Amino acid sequence: MDDKTIMENMLYAVKSTCDLYLHGAVESTTGNVHGAFSNALDEALQMQNQIYNKMSQKGWYQTKQATSQQIQQTAGKFAGE
């Protein structure tokens, strides 16, 4: 397994973990539990950002700039147009 595949797997795992922590925080019934999930989510988001940045630096996670037209279309969807 090469480094790129390992990083992709790590990113996927951290994104899944973020999803679980978010749902845990949203569904928690006490402040202590909510705080624990929120703190864990913050840490996982920081880890996700570090992995993304490293992959981006190596050219393994490339993004495209949205065009003005795409932005307007998306904004129109949310504005009910």
N, C-alpha and C. Protein backbone atom coordinates (compact mmCIF):
# COMPACT_ATOMS: atom_id res chain seq x y z
N MET A 1 0.85 -1.17 0.00
CA MET A 1 0.00 0.00 0.00
C MET A 1 0.89 1.24 0.00
N ASP A 2 0.63 2.18 -0.90
CA ASP A 2 1.47 3.37 -0.99
C ASP A 2 0.97 4.47 -0.04
N ASP A 3 1.79 5.51 0.11
CA ASP A 3 1.49 6.60 1.04
C ASP A 3 0.18 7.30 0.70
N LYS A 4 -0.09 7.49 -0.58
CA LYS A 4 -1.32 8.17 -0.98
C LYS A 4 -2.55 7.38 -0.51
N THR A 5 -2.54 6.08 -0.70
CA THR A 5 -3.66 5.24 -0.29
C THR A 5 -3.83 5.25 1.22
N ILE A 6 -2.73 5.22 1.93
CA ILE A 6 -2.78 5.28 3.39
C ILE A 6 -3.41 6.60 3.84
N MET A 7 -2.98 7.70 3.24
CA MET A 7 -3.53 9.01 3.61
C MET A 7 -5.02 9.11 3.24
N GLU A 8 -5.40 8.56 2.10
CA GLU A 8 -6.81 8.57 1.71
C GLU A 8 -7.64 7.79 2.73
N ASN A 9 -7.14 6.65 3.16
CA ASN A 9 -7.84 5.86 4.16
C ASN A 9 -7.94 6.58 5.50
N MET A 10 -6.85 7.25 5.88
CA MET A 10 -6.86 8.03 7.12
C MET A 10 -7.89 9.16 7.04
N LEU A 11 -7.92 9.85 5.91
CA LEU A 11 -8.86 10.96 5.75
C LEU A 11 -10.30 10.45 5.82
N TYR A 12 -10.58 9.34 5.15
CA TYR A 12 -11.91 8.76 5.19
C TYR A 12 -12.30 8.38 6.62
N ALA A 13 -11.38 7.77 7.35
CA ALA A 13 -11.66 7.36 8.73
C ALA A 13 -11.93 8.56 9.63
N VAL A 14 -11.15 9.62 9.47
CA VAL A 14 -11.34 10.80 10.30
C VAL A 14 -12.65 11.50 9.95
N LYS A 15 -13.00 11.56 8.67
CA LYS A 15 -14.28 12.15 8.28
C LYS A 15 -15.44 11.36 8.89
N SER A 16 -15.34 10.04 8.87
CA SER A 16 -16.39 9.20 9.47
C SER A 16 -16.48 9.44 10.97
N THR A 17 -15.34 9.58 11.61
CA THR A 17 -15.30 9.86 13.04
C THR A 17 -15.94 11.20 13.35
N CYS A 18 -15.66 12.20 12.52
CA CYS A 18 -16.29 13.52 12.71
C CYS A 18 -17.80 13.42 12.64
N ASP A 19 -18.29 12.63 11.70
CA ASP A 19 -19.73 12.45 11.56
C ASP A 19 -20.32 11.84 12.82
N LEU A 20 -19.66 10.83 13.37
CA LEU A 20 -20.14 10.20 14.59
C LEU A 20 -20.13 11.16 15.77
N TYR A 21 -19.05 11.91 15.92
CA TYR A 21 -18.96 12.87 17.02
C TYR A 21 -20.01 13.97 16.89
N LEU A 22 -20.25 14.43 15.67
CA LEU A 22 -21.28 15.46 15.46
C LEU A 22 -22.64 14.94 15.91
N HIS A 23 -22.99 13.74 15.48
CA HIS A 23 -24.28 13.17 15.88
C HIS A 23 -24.34 12.94 17.39
N GLY A 24 -23.25 12.54 17.97
CA GLY A 24 -23.21 12.37 19.42
C GLY A 24 -23.46 13.67 20.14
N ALA A 25 -22.86 14.75 19.66
CA ALA A 25 -23.07 16.06 20.30
C ALA A 25 -24.51 16.53 20.12
N VAL A 26 -25.04 16.37 18.94
CA VAL A 26 -26.40 16.83 18.65
C VAL A 26 -27.42 16.05 19.48
N GLU A 27 -27.20 14.76 19.65
CA GLU A 27 -28.17 13.91 20.34
C GLU A 27 -27.95 13.82 21.85
N SER A 28 -26.88 14.41 22.36
CA SER A 28 -26.59 14.28 23.78
C SER A 28 -27.64 14.99 24.62
N THR A 29 -27.88 14.45 25.79
CA THR A 29 -28.92 14.99 26.66
C THR A 29 -28.37 15.74 27.87
N THR A 30 -27.08 15.67 28.09
CA THR A 30 -26.49 16.40 29.21
C THR A 30 -25.33 17.25 28.72
N GLY A 31 -25.04 18.28 29.48
CA GLY A 31 -23.95 19.17 29.13
C GLY A 31 -22.60 18.49 29.10
N ASN A 32 -22.38 17.58 30.04
CA ASN A 32 -21.08 16.89 30.10
C ASN A 32 -20.87 16.03 28.86
N VAL A 33 -21.89 15.30 28.46
CA VAL A 33 -21.78 14.43 27.29
C VAL A 33 -21.63 15.29 26.03
N HIS A 34 -22.43 16.35 25.94
CA HIS A 34 -22.33 17.25 24.79
C HIS A 34 -20.93 17.83 24.69
N GLY A 35 -20.39 18.27 25.83
CA GLY A 35 -19.04 18.84 25.84
C GLY A 35 -17.98 17.84 25.42
N ALA A 36 -18.12 16.61 25.88
CA ALA A 36 -17.14 15.58 25.51
C ALA A 36 -17.16 15.32 24.01
N PHE A 37 -18.36 15.20 23.44
CA PHE A 37 -18.45 14.99 21.99
C PHE A 37 -17.96 16.21 21.22
N SER A 38 -18.28 17.40 21.70
CA SER A 38 -17.84 18.63 21.03
C SER A 38 -16.32 18.74 21.03
N ASN A 39 -15.71 18.44 22.16
CA ASN A 39 -14.24 18.49 22.25
C ASN A 39 -13.61 17.45 21.32
N ALA A 40 -14.18 16.25 21.33
CA ALA A 40 -13.66 15.20 20.45
C ALA A 40 -13.82 15.60 18.98
N LEU A 41 -14.95 16.23 18.66
CA LEU A 41 -15.17 16.69 17.28
C LEU A 41 -14.14 17.73 16.89
N ASP A 42 -13.87 18.68 17.77
CA ASP A 42 -12.86 19.71 17.47
C ASP A 42 -11.49 19.07 17.18
N GLU A 43 -11.11 18.11 18.00
CA GLU A 43 -9.82 17.45 17.80
C GLU A 43 -9.80 16.67 16.48
N ALA A 44 -10.89 16.00 16.17
CA ALA A 44 -10.97 15.24 14.92
C ALA A 44 -10.94 16.18 13.72
N LEU A 45 -11.60 17.33 13.82
CA LEU A 45 -11.58 18.30 12.72
C LEU A 45 -10.18 18.86 12.50
N GLN A 46 -9.45 19.08 13.58
CA GLN A 46 -8.06 19.54 13.44
C GLN A 46 -7.22 18.47 12.74
N MET A 47 -7.43 17.21 13.12
CA MET A 47 -6.70 16.12 12.48
C MET A 47 -7.06 16.02 11.00
N GLN A 48 -8.35 16.16 10.69
CA GLN A 48 -8.80 16.11 9.30
C GLN A 48 -8.13 17.21 8.49
N ASN A 49 -8.05 18.39 9.06
CA ASN A 49 -7.44 19.52 8.37
C ASN A 49 -5.95 19.27 8.12
N GLN A 50 -5.27 18.70 9.09
CA GLN A 50 -3.84 18.39 8.92
C GLN A 50 -3.63 17.36 7.81
N ILE A 51 -4.46 16.33 7.79
CA ILE A 51 -4.34 15.30 6.75
C ILE A 51 -4.64 15.91 5.39
N TYR A 52 -5.72 16.70 5.31
CA TYR A 52 -6.07 17.35 4.04
C TYR A 52 -4.92 18.23 3.55
N ASN A 53 -4.38 19.06 4.43
CA ASN A 53 -3.29 19.96 4.03
C ASN A 53 -2.09 19.19 3.50
N LYS A 54 -1.73 18.10 4.17
CA LYS A 54 -0.59 17.30 3.72
C LYS A 54 -0.87 16.68 2.35
N MET A 55 -2.08 16.17 2.18
CA MET A 55 -2.45 15.57 0.89
C MET A 55 -2.47 16.63 -0.21
N SER A 56 -2.97 17.79 0.11
CA SER A 56 -3.04 18.88 -0.86
C SER A 56 -1.63 19.32 -1.28
N GLN A 57 -0.72 19.42 -0.31
CA GLN A 57 0.66 19.80 -0.60
C GLN A 57 1.33 18.81 -1.56
N LYS A 58 0.98 17.55 -1.42
CA LYS A 58 1.57 16.52 -2.26
C LYS A 58 0.83 16.34 -3.58
N GLY A 59 -0.26 17.10 -3.76
CA GLY A 59 -1.04 17.01 -4.99
C GLY A 59 -1.97 15.81 -5.03
N TRP A 60 -2.25 15.23 -3.85
CA TRP A 60 -3.09 14.03 -3.77
C TRP A 60 -4.56 14.36 -3.55
N TYR A 61 -4.88 15.59 -3.27
CA TYR A 61 -6.27 16.00 -3.04
C TYR A 61 -6.44 17.33 -3.74
N GLN A 62 -6.91 17.26 -4.94
CA GLN A 62 -7.03 18.48 -5.74
C GLN A 62 -8.48 18.94 -5.79
N THR A 63 -8.65 20.22 -5.69
CA THR A 63 -9.98 20.81 -5.77
C THR A 63 -10.03 21.76 -6.95
N LYS A 64 -11.25 21.99 -7.42
CA LYS A 64 -11.45 22.95 -8.51
C LYS A 64 -12.14 24.18 -7.96
N GLN A 65 -11.80 25.31 -8.53
CA GLN A 65 -12.50 26.54 -8.20
C GLN A 65 -13.87 26.53 -8.87
N ALA A 66 -14.88 26.92 -8.11
CA ALA A 66 -16.22 27.01 -8.69
C ALA A 66 -16.30 28.26 -9.55
N THR A 67 -17.03 28.15 -10.66
CA THR A 67 -17.23 29.31 -11.52
C THR A 67 -18.29 30.21 -10.90
N SER A 68 -18.35 31.44 -11.34
CA SER A 68 -19.37 32.38 -10.85
C SER A 68 -20.76 31.84 -11.13
N GLN A 69 -20.92 31.22 -12.29
CA GLN A 69 -22.23 30.66 -12.65
C GLN A 69 -22.63 29.54 -11.67
N GLN A 70 -21.70 28.68 -11.33
CA GLN A 70 -22.00 27.60 -10.39
C GLN A 70 -22.38 28.16 -9.02
N ILE A 71 -21.69 29.18 -8.60
CA ILE A 71 -21.98 29.82 -7.31
C ILE A 71 -23.38 30.42 -7.34
N GLN A 72 -23.71 31.12 -8.41
CA GLN A 72 -25.03 31.72 -8.53
C GLN A 72 -26.14 30.67 -8.56
N GLN A 73 -25.91 29.57 -9.27
CA GLN A 73 -26.90 28.49 -9.33
C GLN A 73 -27.13 27.90 -7.94
N THR A 74 -26.08 27.68 -7.22
CA THR A 74 -26.20 27.11 -5.88
C THR A 74 -26.89 28.09 -4.94
N ALA A 75 -26.52 29.35 -5.02
CA ALA A 75 -27.16 30.37 -4.18
C ALA A 75 -28.65 30.46 -4.52
N GLY A 76 -28.98 30.35 -5.80
CA GLY A 76 -30.38 30.39 -6.22
C GLY A 76 -31.19 29.23 -5.65
N LYS A 77 -30.60 28.08 -5.56
CA LYS A 77 -31.29 26.91 -4.99
C LYS A 77 -31.67 27.17 -3.54
N PHE A 78 -30.76 27.78 -2.79
CA PHE A 78 -31.02 28.03 -1.38
C PHE A 78 -31.92 29.24 -1.16
N ALA A 79 -32.00 30.10 -2.16
CA ALA A 79 -32.87 31.27 -2.06
C ALA A 79 -34.27 30.96 -2.56
N GLY A 80 -34.47 29.73 -3.06
CA GLY A 80 -35.78 29.33 -3.53
C GLY A 80 -36.08 29.80 -4.94
N GLU A 81 -35.07 30.12 -5.69
CA GLU A 81 -35.27 30.60 -7.06
C GLU A 81 -35.42 29.46 -8.02
